């Protein structure tokens, strides 16, 4: 949760690869879950 929050260490890299999961400068878990439902490879990329 801290990594996903505004200023978190994972935010910039996730934003570069998956800009649609961003909301107000942080990673939206809801949007991320929706995206991983649509494409299983997204989860693997996020985990890396």
ModelCIF file with pLDDT and N, C-alpha, C, O atoms, coordinates in Angstrom:
data_MODEL
#
_entry.id   MODEL 
#
_entity.id                         1 
_entity.type                       polymer 
_entity.pdbx_number_of_molecules   1 
#
_entity_poly.entity_id                      1 
_entity_poly.type                           'polypeptide(L)' 
_entity_poly.nstd_linkage                   no 
_entity_poly.nstd_monomer                   no 
_entity_poly.pdbx_seq_one_letter_code       
;(UNK)(UNK)(UNK)(UNK)(UNK)(UNK)(UNK)(UNK)(UNK)(UNK)(UNK)(UNK)(UNK)(UNK)(UNK)(UNK)
(UNK)(UNK)(UNK)(UNK)(UNK)(UNK)(UNK)(UNK)(UNK)(UNK)(UNK)(UNK)(UNK)(UNK)(UNK)(UNK)
(UNK)(UNK)(UNK)(UNK)(UNK)(UNK)(UNK)(UNK)(UNK)(UNK)(UNK)(UNK)(UNK)(UNK)(UNK)(UNK)
;
_entity_poly.pdbx_seq_one_letter_code_can   XXXXXXXXXXXXXXXXXXXXXXXXXXXXXXXXXXXXXXXXXXXXXXXX 
_entity_poly.pdbx_strand_id                 A 
#
loop_
_entity_poly_seq.entity_id 
_entity_poly_seq.num 
_entity_poly_seq.mon_id 
_entity_poly_seq.hetero 
1 1  UNK n 
1 2  UNK n 
1 3  UNK n 
1 4  UNK n 
1 5  UNK n 
1 6  UNK n 
1 7  UNK n 
1 8  UNK n 
1 9  UNK n 
1 10 UNK n 
1 11 UNK n 
1 12 UNK n 
1 13 UNK n 
1 14 UNK n 
1 15 UNK n 
1 16 UNK n 
1 17 UNK n 
1 18 UNK n 
1 19 UNK n 
1 20 UNK n 
1 21 UNK n 
1 22 UNK n 
1 23 UNK n 
1 24 UNK n 
1 25 UNK n 
1 26 UNK n 
1 27 UNK n 
1 28 UNK n 
1 29 UNK n 
1 30 UNK n 
1 31 UNK n 
1 32 UNK n 
1 33 UNK n 
1 34 UNK n 
1 35 UNK n 
1 36 UNK n 
1 37 UNK n 
1 38 UNK n 
1 39 UNK n 
1 40 UNK n 
1 41 UNK n 
1 42 UNK n 
1 43 UNK n 
1 44 UNK n 
1 45 UNK n 
1 46 UNK n 
1 47 UNK n 
1 48 UNK n 
#
_struct_asym.id          A 
_struct_asym.entity_id   1 
#
loop_
_ma_qa_metric.id 
_ma_qa_metric.mode 
_ma_qa_metric.name 
_ma_qa_metric.software_group_id 
_ma_qa_metric.type 
1 global pLDDT . pLDDT 
2 local  pLDDT . pLDDT 
#
_ma_qa_metric_global.metric_id      1 
_ma_qa_metric_global.metric_value   93.60 
_ma_qa_metric_global.model_id       1 
_ma_qa_metric_global.ordinal_id     1 
#
loop_
_ma_qa_metric_local.label_asym_id 
_ma_qa_metric_local.label_comp_id 
_ma_qa_metric_local.label_seq_id 
_ma_qa_metric_local.metric_id 
_ma_qa_metric_local.metric_value 
_ma_qa_metric_local.model_id 
_ma_qa_metric_local.ordinal_id 
A UNK 1  2 97.00 1 1  
A UNK 2  2 97.00 1 2  
A UNK 3  2 98.00 1 3  
A UNK 4  2 98.00 1 4  
A UNK 5  2 97.00 1 5  
A UNK 6  2 96.00 1 6  
A UNK 7  2 96.00 1 7  
A UNK 8  2 97.00 1 8  
A UNK 9  2 97.00 1 9  
A UNK 10 2 97.00 1 10 
A UNK 11 2 97.00 1 11 
A UNK 12 2 96.00 1 12 
A UNK 13 2 96.00 1 13 
A UNK 14 2 97.00 1 14 
A UNK 15 2 96.00 1 15 
A UNK 16 2 96.00 1 16 
A UNK 17 2 96.00 1 17 
A UNK 18 2 96.00 1 18 
A UNK 19 2 95.00 1 19 
A UNK 20 2 95.00 1 20 
A UNK 21 2 96.00 1 21 
A UNK 22 2 96.00 1 22 
A UNK 23 2 95.00 1 23 
A UNK 24 2 95.00 1 24 
A UNK 25 2 95.00 1 25 
A UNK 26 2 97.00 1 26 
A UNK 27 2 97.00 1 27 
A UNK 28 2 96.00 1 28 
A UNK 29 2 92.00 1 29 
A UNK 30 2 90.00 1 30 
A UNK 31 2 94.00 1 31 
A UNK 32 2 93.00 1 32 
A UNK 33 2 87.00 1 33 
A UNK 34 2 89.00 1 34 
A UNK 35 2 92.00 1 35 
A UNK 36 2 87.00 1 36 
A UNK 37 2 83.00 1 37 
A UNK 38 2 86.00 1 38 
A UNK 39 2 86.00 1 39 
A UNK 40 2 79.00 1 40 
A UNK 41 2 90.00 1 41 
A UNK 42 2 92.00 1 42 
A UNK 43 2 88.00 1 43 
A UNK 44 2 90.00 1 44 
A UNK 45 2 95.00 1 45 
A UNK 46 2 95.00 1 46 
A UNK 47 2 93.00 1 47 
A UNK 48 2 95.00 1 48 
#
loop_
_atom_site.group_PDB 
_atom_site.id 
_atom_site.type_symbol 
_atom_site.label_atom_id 
_atom_site.label_alt_id 
_atom_site.label_comp_id 
_atom_site.label_asym_id 
_atom_site.label_entity_id 
_atom_site.label_seq_id 
_atom_site.pdbx_PDB_ins_code 
_atom_site.Cartn_x 
_atom_site.Cartn_y 
_atom_site.Cartn_z 
_atom_site.occupancy 
_atom_site.B_iso_or_equiv 
_atom_site.pdbx_formal_charge 
_atom_site.auth_seq_id 
_atom_site.auth_comp_id 
_atom_site.auth_asym_id 
_atom_site.auth_atom_id 
_atom_site.pdbx_PDB_model_num 
ATOM 1   N N  . UNK A 1 1  ? 0.836  -1.205  0.000   1.00 97.00 ? 1  UNK A N  1 
ATOM 2   C CA . UNK A 1 1  ? 0.000  0.000   0.000   1.00 97.00 ? 1  UNK A CA 1 
ATOM 3   C C  . UNK A 1 1  ? 0.870  1.253   0.000   1.00 97.00 ? 1  UNK A C  1 
ATOM 4   O O  . UNK A 1 1  ? 0.558  2.235   -0.673  1.00 97.00 ? 1  UNK A O  1 
ATOM 5   N N  . UNK A 1 2  ? 1.957  1.211   0.756   1.00 97.00 ? 2  UNK A N  1 
ATOM 6   C CA . UNK A 1 2  ? 2.882  2.346   0.811   1.00 97.00 ? 2  UNK A CA 1 
ATOM 7   C C  . UNK A 1 2  ? 3.586  2.544   -0.537  1.00 97.00 ? 2  UNK A C  1 
ATOM 8   O O  . UNK A 1 2  ? 3.812  3.676   -0.966  1.00 97.00 ? 2  UNK A O  1 
ATOM 9   N N  . UNK A 1 3  ? 3.928  1.441   -1.195  1.00 98.00 ? 3  UNK A N  1 
ATOM 10  C CA . UNK A 1 3  ? 4.588  1.518   -2.502  1.00 98.00 ? 3  UNK A CA 1 
ATOM 11  C C  . UNK A 1 3  ? 3.660  2.086   -3.570  1.00 98.00 ? 3  UNK A C  1 
ATOM 12  O O  . UNK A 1 3  ? 4.111  2.756   -4.499  1.00 98.00 ? 3  UNK A O  1 
ATOM 13  N N  . UNK A 1 4  ? 2.349  1.815   -3.432  1.00 98.00 ? 4  UNK A N  1 
ATOM 14  C CA . UNK A 1 4  ? 1.354  2.281   -4.394  1.00 98.00 ? 4  UNK A CA 1 
ATOM 15  C C  . UNK A 1 4  ? 0.915  3.725   -4.143  1.00 98.00 ? 4  UNK A C  1 
ATOM 16  O O  . UNK A 1 4  ? 0.399  4.381   -5.049  1.00 98.00 ? 4  UNK A O  1 
ATOM 17  N N  . UNK A 1 5  ? 1.115  4.220   -2.931  1.00 97.00 ? 5  UNK A N  1 
ATOM 18  C CA . UNK A 1 5  ? 0.637  5.551   -2.560  1.00 97.00 ? 5  UNK A CA 1 
ATOM 19  C C  . UNK A 1 5  ? 1.449  6.649   -3.254  1.00 97.00 ? 5  UNK A C  1 
ATOM 20  O O  . UNK A 1 5  ? 2.530  6.397   -3.788  1.00 97.00 ? 5  UNK A O  1 
ATOM 21  N N  . UNK A 1 6  ? 0.917  7.852   -3.237  1.00 96.00 ? 6  UNK A N  1 
ATOM 22  C CA . UNK A 1 6  ? 1.592  8.983   -3.881  1.00 96.00 ? 6  UNK A CA 1 
ATOM 23  C C  . UNK A 1 6  ? 3.022  9.110   -3.338  1.00 96.00 ? 6  UNK A C  1 
ATOM 24  O O  . UNK A 1 6  ? 3.225  9.183   -2.126  1.00 96.00 ? 6  UNK A O  1 
ATOM 25  N N  . UNK A 1 7  ? 3.997  9.135   -4.230  1.00 96.00 ? 7  UNK A N  1 
ATOM 26  C CA . UNK A 1 7  ? 5.389  9.218   -3.816  1.00 96.00 ? 7  UNK A CA 1 
ATOM 27  C C  . UNK A 1 7  ? 6.021  7.870   -3.511  1.00 96.00 ? 7  UNK A C  1 
ATOM 28  O O  . UNK A 1 7  ? 7.208  7.801   -3.192  1.00 96.00 ? 7  UNK A O  1 
ATOM 29  N N  . UNK A 1 8  ? 5.244  6.802   -3.604  1.00 97.00 ? 8  UNK A N  1 
ATOM 30  C CA . UNK A 1 8  ? 5.755  5.465   -3.324  1.00 97.00 ? 8  UNK A CA 1 
ATOM 31  C C  . UNK A 1 8  ? 6.773  5.015   -4.364  1.00 97.00 ? 8  UNK A C  1 
ATOM 32  O O  . UNK A 1 8  ? 6.752  5.465   -5.510  1.00 97.00 ? 8  UNK A O  1 
ATOM 33  N N  . UNK A 1 9  ? 7.655  4.129   -3.952  1.00 97.00 ? 9  UNK A N  1 
ATOM 34  C CA . UNK A 1 9  ? 8.761  3.714   -4.826  1.00 97.00 ? 9  UNK A CA 1 
ATOM 35  C C  . UNK A 1 9  ? 8.316  2.985   -6.096  1.00 97.00 ? 9  UNK A C  1 
ATOM 36  O O  . UNK A 1 9  ? 9.058  2.946   -7.077  1.00 97.00 ? 9  UNK A O  1 
ATOM 37  N N  . UNK A 1 10 ? 7.120  2.413   -6.085  1.00 97.00 ? 10 UNK A N  1 
ATOM 38  C CA . UNK A 1 10 ? 6.664  1.660   -7.259  1.00 97.00 ? 10 UNK A CA 1 
ATOM 39  C C  . UNK A 1 10 ? 5.854  2.498   -8.238  1.00 97.00 ? 10 UNK A C  1 
ATOM 40  O O  . UNK A 1 10 ? 5.592  2.065   -9.360  1.00 97.00 ? 10 UNK A O  1 
ATOM 41  N N  . UNK A 1 11 ? 5.460  3.690   -7.821  1.00 97.00 ? 11 UNK A N  1 
ATOM 42  C CA . UNK A 1 11 ? 4.501  4.484   -8.600  1.00 97.00 ? 11 UNK A CA 1 
ATOM 43  C C  . UNK A 1 11 ? 5.000  4.817   -10.001 1.00 97.00 ? 11 UNK A C  1 
ATOM 44  O O  . UNK A 1 11 ? 4.288  4.585   -10.978 1.00 97.00 ? 11 UNK A O  1 
ATOM 45  N N  . UNK A 1 12 ? 6.213  5.358   -10.117 1.00 96.00 ? 12 UNK A N  1 
ATOM 46  C CA . UNK A 1 12 ? 6.698  5.803   -11.425 1.00 96.00 ? 12 UNK A CA 1 
ATOM 47  C C  . UNK A 1 12 ? 6.797  4.664   -12.432 1.00 96.00 ? 12 UNK A C  1 
ATOM 48  O O  . UNK A 1 12 ? 6.396  4.808   -13.587 1.00 96.00 ? 12 UNK A O  1 
ATOM 49  N N  . UNK A 1 13 ? 7.339  3.526   -11.983 1.00 96.00 ? 13 UNK A N  1 
ATOM 50  C CA . UNK A 1 13 ? 7.498  2.395   -12.900 1.00 96.00 ? 13 UNK A CA 1 
ATOM 51  C C  . UNK A 1 13 ? 6.157  1.825   -13.332 1.00 96.00 ? 13 UNK A C  1 
ATOM 52  O O  . UNK A 1 13 ? 5.978  1.459   -14.494 1.00 96.00 ? 13 UNK A O  1 
ATOM 53  N N  . UNK A 1 14 ? 5.215  1.747   -12.401 1.00 97.00 ? 14 UNK A N  1 
ATOM 54  C CA . UNK A 1 14 ? 3.885  1.240   -12.753 1.00 97.00 ? 14 UNK A CA 1 
ATOM 55  C C  . UNK A 1 14 ? 3.189  2.223   -13.698 1.00 97.00 ? 14 UNK A C  1 
ATOM 56  O O  . UNK A 1 14 ? 2.527  1.813   -14.651 1.00 97.00 ? 14 UNK A O  1 
ATOM 57  N N  . UNK A 1 15 ? 3.341  3.499   -13.432 1.00 96.00 ? 15 UNK A N  1 
ATOM 58  C CA . UNK A 1 15 ? 2.716  4.510   -14.291 1.00 96.00 ? 15 UNK A CA 1 
ATOM 59  C C  . UNK A 1 15 ? 3.252  4.443   -15.724 1.00 96.00 ? 15 UNK A C  1 
ATOM 60  O O  . UNK A 1 15 ? 2.505  4.623   -16.685 1.00 96.00 ? 15 UNK A O  1 
ATOM 61  N N  . UNK A 1 16 ? 4.555  4.181   -15.851 1.00 96.00 ? 16 UNK A N  1 
ATOM 62  C CA . UNK A 1 16 ? 5.159  4.073   -17.180 1.00 96.00 ? 16 UNK A CA 1 
ATOM 63  C C  . UNK A 1 16 ? 4.588  2.903   -17.976 1.00 96.00 ? 16 UNK A C  1 
ATOM 64  O O  . UNK A 1 16 ? 4.352  3.020   -19.179 1.00 96.00 ? 16 UNK A O  1 
ATOM 65  N N  . UNK A 1 17 ? 4.365  1.770   -17.297 1.00 96.00 ? 17 UNK A N  1 
ATOM 66  C CA . UNK A 1 17 ? 3.894  0.573   -17.986 1.00 96.00 ? 17 UNK A CA 1 
ATOM 67  C C  . UNK A 1 17 ? 2.375  0.499   -18.088 1.00 96.00 ? 17 UNK A C  1 
ATOM 68  O O  . UNK A 1 17 ? 1.834  0.032   -19.090 1.00 96.00 ? 17 UNK A O  1 
ATOM 69  N N  . UNK A 1 18 ? 1.692  0.963   -17.044 1.00 96.00 ? 18 UNK A N  1 
ATOM 70  C CA . UNK A 1 18 ? 0.234  0.817   -17.003 1.00 96.00 ? 18 UNK A CA 1 
ATOM 71  C C  . UNK A 1 18 ? -0.414 2.133   -16.536 1.00 96.00 ? 18 UNK A C  1 
ATOM 72  O O  . UNK A 1 18 ? -0.938 2.201   -15.425 1.00 96.00 ? 18 UNK A O  1 
ATOM 73  N N  . UNK A 1 19 ? -0.380 3.156   -17.365 1.00 95.00 ? 19 UNK A N  1 
ATOM 74  C CA . UNK A 1 19 ? -0.906 4.475   -16.953 1.00 95.00 ? 19 UNK A CA 1 
ATOM 75  C C  . UNK A 1 19 ? -2.387 4.468   -16.595 1.00 95.00 ? 19 UNK A C  1 
ATOM 76  O O  . UNK A 1 19 ? -2.843 5.329   -15.842 1.00 95.00 ? 19 UNK A O  1 
ATOM 77  N N  . UNK A 1 20 ? -3.136 3.518   -17.118 1.00 95.00 ? 20 UNK A N  1 
ATOM 78  C CA . UNK A 1 20 ? -4.587 3.513   -16.860 1.00 95.00 ? 20 UNK A CA 1 
ATOM 79  C C  . UNK A 1 20 ? -4.935 3.136   -15.422 1.00 95.00 ? 20 UNK A C  1 
ATOM 80  O O  . UNK A 1 20 ? -6.068 3.350   -14.993 1.00 95.00 ? 20 UNK A O  1 
ATOM 81  N N  . UNK A 1 21 ? -3.982 2.577   -14.667 1.00 96.00 ? 21 UNK A N  1 
ATOM 82  C CA . UNK A 1 21 ? -4.288 2.179   -13.285 1.00 96.00 ? 21 UNK A CA 1 
ATOM 83  C C  . UNK A 1 21 ? -4.033 3.323   -12.299 1.00 96.00 ? 21 UNK A C  1 
ATOM 84  O O  . UNK A 1 21 ? -4.259 3.176   -11.097 1.00 96.00 ? 21 UNK A O  1 
ATOM 85  N N  . UNK A 1 22 ? -3.565 4.454   -12.811 1.00 96.00 ? 22 UNK A N  1 
ATOM 86  C CA . UNK A 1 22 ? -3.247 5.579   -11.939 1.00 96.00 ? 22 UNK A CA 1 
ATOM 87  C C  . UNK A 1 22 ? -4.481 6.430   -11.644 1.00 96.00 ? 22 UNK A C  1 
ATOM 88  O O  . UNK A 1 22 ? -5.373 6.574   -12.479 1.00 96.00 ? 22 UNK A O  1 
ATOM 89  N N  . UNK A 1 23 ? -4.508 6.993   -10.423 1.00 95.00 ? 23 UNK A N  1 
ATOM 90  C CA . UNK A 1 23 ? -5.575 7.910   -10.036 1.00 95.00 ? 23 UNK A CA 1 
ATOM 91  C C  . UNK A 1 23 ? -5.017 8.899   -9.022  1.00 95.00 ? 23 UNK A C  1 
ATOM 92  O O  . UNK A 1 23 ? -4.607 8.520   -7.925  1.00 95.00 ? 23 UNK A O  1 
ATOM 93  N N  . UNK A 1 24 ? -5.007 10.154  -9.398  1.00 95.00 ? 24 UNK A N  1 
ATOM 94  C CA . UNK A 1 24 ? -4.528 11.237  -8.526  1.00 95.00 ? 24 UNK A CA 1 
ATOM 95  C C  . UNK A 1 24 ? -3.119 10.970  -7.982  1.00 95.00 ? 24 UNK A C  1 
ATOM 96  O O  . UNK A 1 24 ? -2.837 11.202  -6.806  1.00 95.00 ? 24 UNK A O  1 
ATOM 97  N N  . UNK A 1 25 ? -2.243 10.475  -8.869  1.00 95.00 ? 25 UNK A N  1 
ATOM 98  C CA . UNK A 1 25 ? -0.843 10.316  -8.494  1.00 95.00 ? 25 UNK A CA 1 
ATOM 99  C C  . UNK A 1 25 ? -0.490 9.052   -7.755  1.00 95.00 ? 25 UNK A C  1 
ATOM 100 O O  . UNK A 1 25 ? 0.649  8.886   -7.318  1.00 95.00 ? 25 UNK A O  1 
ATOM 101 N N  . UNK A 1 26 ? -1.451 8.154   -7.607  1.00 97.00 ? 26 UNK A N  1 
ATOM 102 C CA . UNK A 1 26 ? -1.159 6.875   -6.958  1.00 97.00 ? 26 UNK A CA 1 
ATOM 103 C C  . UNK A 1 26 ? -1.828 5.731   -7.715  1.00 97.00 ? 26 UNK A C  1 
ATOM 104 O O  . UNK A 1 26 ? -2.700 5.934   -8.561  1.00 97.00 ? 26 UNK A O  1 
ATOM 105 N N  . UNK A 1 27 ? -1.383 4.520   -7.376  1.00 97.00 ? 27 UNK A N  1 
ATOM 106 C CA . UNK A 1 27 ? -1.927 3.340   -8.047  1.00 97.00 ? 27 UNK A CA 1 
ATOM 107 C C  . UNK A 1 27 ? -3.281 2.995   -7.443  1.00 97.00 ? 27 UNK A C  1 
ATOM 108 O O  . UNK A 1 27 ? -3.403 2.815   -6.232  1.00 97.00 ? 27 UNK A O  1 
ATOM 109 N N  . UNK A 1 28 ? -4.287 2.906   -8.289  1.00 96.00 ? 28 UNK A N  1 
ATOM 110 C CA . UNK A 1 28 ? -5.622 2.519   -7.838  1.00 96.00 ? 28 UNK A CA 1 
ATOM 111 C C  . UNK A 1 28 ? -5.714 1.001   -7.826  1.00 96.00 ? 28 UNK A C  1 
ATOM 112 O O  . UNK A 1 28 ? -5.626 0.358   -8.872  1.00 96.00 ? 28 UNK A O  1 
ATOM 113 N N  . UNK A 1 29 ? -5.888 0.440   -6.658  1.00 92.00 ? 29 UNK A N  1 
ATOM 114 C CA . UNK A 1 29 ? -5.982 -1.025  -6.559  1.00 92.00 ? 29 UNK A CA 1 
ATOM 115 C C  . UNK A 1 29 ? -7.195 -1.546  -7.307  1.00 92.00 ? 29 UNK A C  1 
ATOM 116 O O  . UNK A 1 29 ? -7.152 -2.626  -7.896  1.00 92.00 ? 29 UNK A O  1 
ATOM 117 N N  . UNK A 1 30 ? -8.273 -0.782  -7.284  1.00 90.00 ? 30 UNK A N  1 
ATOM 118 C CA . UNK A 1 30 ? -9.487 -1.201  -7.990  1.00 90.00 ? 30 UNK A CA 1 
ATOM 119 C C  . UNK A 1 30 ? -9.231 -1.273  -9.488  1.00 90.00 ? 30 UNK A C  1 
ATOM 120 O O  . UNK A 1 30 ? -9.613 -2.247  -10.136 1.00 90.00 ? 30 UNK A O  1 
ATOM 121 N N  . UNK A 1 31 ? -8.589 -0.252  -10.041 1.00 94.00 ? 31 UNK A N  1 
ATOM 122 C CA . UNK A 1 31 ? -8.282 -0.253  -11.470 1.00 94.00 ? 31 UNK A CA 1 
ATOM 123 C C  . UNK A 1 31 ? -7.274 -1.351  -11.806 1.00 94.00 ? 31 UNK A C  1 
ATOM 124 O O  . UNK A 1 31 ? -7.350 -1.981  -12.861 1.00 94.00 ? 31 UNK A O  1 
ATOM 125 N N  . UNK A 1 32 ? -6.338 -1.566  -10.898 1.00 93.00 ? 32 UNK A N  1 
ATOM 126 C CA . UNK A 1 32 ? -5.334 -2.603  -11.127 1.00 93.00 ? 32 UNK A CA 1 
ATOM 127 C C  . UNK A 1 32 ? -5.972 -3.987  -11.137 1.00 93.00 ? 32 UNK A C  1 
ATOM 128 O O  . UNK A 1 32 ? -5.635 -4.824  -11.974 1.00 93.00 ? 32 UNK A O  1 
ATOM 129 N N  . UNK A 1 33 ? -6.896 -4.225  -10.204 1.00 87.00 ? 33 UNK A N  1 
ATOM 130 C CA . UNK A 1 33 ? -7.594 -5.521  -10.178 1.00 87.00 ? 33 UNK A CA 1 
ATOM 131 C C  . UNK A 1 33 ? -8.387 -5.736  -11.455 1.00 87.00 ? 33 UNK A C  1 
ATOM 132 O O  . UNK A 1 33 ? -8.395 -6.836  -12.007 1.00 87.00 ? 33 UNK A O  1 
ATOM 133 N N  . UNK A 1 34 ? -9.053 -4.689  -11.926 1.00 89.00 ? 34 UNK A N  1 
ATOM 134 C CA . UNK A 1 34 ? -9.826 -4.795  -13.162 1.00 89.00 ? 34 UNK A CA 1 
ATOM 135 C C  . UNK A 1 34 ? -8.921 -5.137  -14.341 1.00 89.00 ? 34 UNK A C  1 
ATOM 136 O O  . UNK A 1 34 ? -9.273 -5.959  -15.187 1.00 89.00 ? 34 UNK A O  1 
ATOM 137 N N  . UNK A 1 35 ? -7.764 -4.504  -14.388 1.00 92.00 ? 35 UNK A N  1 
ATOM 138 C CA . UNK A 1 35 ? -6.831 -4.746  -15.489 1.00 92.00 ? 35 UNK A CA 1 
ATOM 139 C C  . UNK A 1 35 ? -6.259 -6.162  -15.439 1.00 92.00 ? 35 UNK A C  1 
ATOM 140 O O  . UNK A 1 35 ? -6.102 -6.805  -16.477 1.00 92.00 ? 35 UNK A O  1 
ATOM 141 N N  . UNK A 1 36 ? -5.948 -6.646  -14.244 1.00 87.00 ? 36 UNK A N  1 
ATOM 142 C CA . UNK A 1 36 ? -5.389 -8.003  -14.127 1.00 87.00 ? 36 UNK A CA 1 
ATOM 143 C C  . UNK A 1 36 ? -6.437 -9.062  -14.470 1.00 87.00 ? 36 UNK A C  1 
ATOM 144 O O  . UNK A 1 36 ? -6.094 -10.154 -14.922 1.00 87.00 ? 36 UNK A O  1 
ATOM 145 N N  . UNK A 1 37 ? -7.710 -8.740  -14.256 1.00 83.00 ? 37 UNK A N  1 
ATOM 146 C CA . UNK A 1 37 ? -8.772 -9.653  -14.677 1.00 83.00 ? 37 UNK A CA 1 
ATOM 147 C C  . UNK A 1 37 ? -8.786 -9.792  -16.200 1.00 83.00 ? 37 UNK A C  1 
ATOM 148 O O  . UNK A 1 37 ? -9.045 -10.870 -16.734 1.00 83.00 ? 37 UNK A O  1 
ATOM 149 N N  . UNK A 1 38 ? -8.508 -8.706  -16.875 1.00 86.00 ? 38 UNK A N  1 
ATOM 150 C CA . UNK A 1 38 ? -8.553 -8.690  -18.341 1.00 86.00 ? 38 UNK A CA 1 
ATOM 151 C C  . UNK A 1 38 ? -7.306 -9.321  -18.968 1.00 86.00 ? 38 UNK A C  1 
ATOM 152 O O  . UNK A 1 38 ? -7.375 -9.904  -20.050 1.00 86.00 ? 38 UNK A O  1 
ATOM 153 N N  . UNK A 1 39 ? -6.164 -9.201  -18.276 1.00 86.00 ? 39 UNK A N  1 
ATOM 154 C CA . UNK A 1 39 ? -4.896 -9.683  -18.836 1.00 86.00 ? 39 UNK A CA 1 
ATOM 155 C C  . UNK A 1 39 ? -4.019 -10.227 -17.711 1.00 86.00 ? 39 UNK A C  1 
ATOM 156 O O  . UNK A 1 39 ? -3.509 -9.461  -16.894 1.00 86.00 ? 39 UNK A O  1 
ATOM 157 N N  . UNK A 1 40 ? -3.844 -11.537 -17.668 1.00 79.00 ? 40 UNK A N  1 
ATOM 158 C CA . UNK A 1 40 ? -3.088 -12.183 -16.594 1.00 79.00 ? 40 UNK A CA 1 
ATOM 159 C C  . UNK A 1 40 ? -1.612 -11.786 -16.586 1.00 79.00 ? 40 UNK A C  1 
ATOM 160 O O  . UNK A 1 40 ? -0.948 -11.886 -15.554 1.00 79.00 ? 40 UNK A O  1 
ATOM 161 N N  . UNK A 1 41 ? -1.098 -11.337 -17.728 1.00 90.00 ? 41 UNK A N  1 
ATOM 162 C CA . UNK A 1 41 ? 0.314  -10.955 -17.808 1.00 90.00 ? 41 UNK A CA 1 
ATOM 163 C C  . UNK A 1 41 ? 0.603  -9.661  -17.049 1.00 90.00 ? 41 UNK A C  1 
ATOM 164 O O  . UNK A 1 41 ? 1.746  -9.381  -16.687 1.00 90.00 ? 41 UNK A O  1 
ATOM 165 N N  . UNK A 1 42 ? -0.446 -8.881  -16.816 1.00 92.00 ? 42 UNK A N  1 
ATOM 166 C CA . UNK A 1 42 ? -0.276 -7.633  -16.079 1.00 92.00 ? 42 UNK A CA 1 
ATOM 167 C C  . UNK A 1 42 ? 0.218  -7.916  -14.664 1.00 92.00 ? 42 UNK A C  1 
ATOM 168 O O  . UNK A 1 42 ? 1.118  -7.238  -14.168 1.00 92.00 ? 42 UNK A O  1 
ATOM 169 N N  . UNK A 1 43 ? -0.370 -8.912  -14.018 1.00 88.00 ? 43 UNK A N  1 
ATOM 170 C CA . UNK A 1 43 ? 0.011  -9.254  -12.652 1.00 88.00 ? 43 UNK A CA 1 
ATOM 171 C C  . UNK A 1 43 ? 1.480  -9.651  -12.573 1.00 88.00 ? 43 UNK A C  1 
ATOM 172 O O  . UNK A 1 43 ? 2.183  -9.260  -11.641 1.00 88.00 ? 43 UNK A O  1 
ATOM 173 N N  . UNK A 1 44 ? 1.941  -10.425 -13.547 1.00 90.00 ? 44 UNK A N  1 
ATOM 174 C CA . UNK A 1 44 ? 3.346  -10.835 -13.565 1.00 90.00 ? 44 UNK A CA 1 
ATOM 175 C C  . UNK A 1 44 ? 4.260  -9.613  -13.677 1.00 90.00 ? 44 UNK A C  1 
ATOM 176 O O  . UNK A 1 44 ? 5.287  -9.539  -13.002 1.00 90.00 ? 44 UNK A O  1 
ATOM 177 N N  . UNK A 1 45 ? 3.894  -8.679  -14.510 1.00 95.00 ? 45 UNK A N  1 
ATOM 178 C CA . UNK A 1 45 ? 4.694  -7.470  -14.695 1.00 95.00 ? 45 UNK A CA 1 
ATOM 179 C C  . UNK A 1 45 ? 4.718  -6.621  -13.420 1.00 95.00 ? 45 UNK A C  1 
ATOM 180 O O  . UNK A 1 45 ? 5.756  -6.077  -13.045 1.00 95.00 ? 45 UNK A O  1 
ATOM 181 N N  . UNK A 1 46 ? 3.568  -6.516  -12.767 1.00 95.00 ? 46 UNK A N  1 
ATOM 182 C CA . UNK A 1 46 ? 3.483  -5.750  -11.519 1.00 95.00 ? 46 UNK A CA 1 
ATOM 183 C C  . UNK A 1 46 ? 4.346  -6.404  -10.442 1.00 95.00 ? 46 UNK A C  1 
ATOM 184 O O  . UNK A 1 46 ? 5.054  -5.718  -9.706  1.00 95.00 ? 46 UNK A O  1 
ATOM 185 N N  . UNK A 1 47 ? 4.282  -7.736  -10.354 1.00 93.00 ? 47 UNK A N  1 
ATOM 186 C CA . UNK A 1 47 ? 5.059  -8.460  -9.346  1.00 93.00 ? 47 UNK A CA 1 
ATOM 187 C C  . UNK A 1 47 ? 6.562  -8.260  -9.534  1.00 93.00 ? 47 UNK A C  1 
ATOM 188 O O  . UNK A 1 47 ? 7.309  -8.196  -8.558  1.00 93.00 ? 47 UNK A O  1 
ATOM 189 N N  . UNK A 1 48 ? 7.005  -8.161  -10.794 1.00 95.00 ? 48 UNK A N  1 
ATOM 190 C CA . UNK A 1 48 ? 8.433  -7.939  -11.061 1.00 95.00 ? 48 UNK A CA 1 
ATOM 191 C C  . UNK A 1 48 ? 8.886  -6.573  -10.552 1.00 95.00 ? 48 UNK A C  1 
ATOM 192 O O  . UNK A 1 48 ? 10.057 -6.219  -10.692 1.00 95.00 ? 48 UNK A O  1 
#
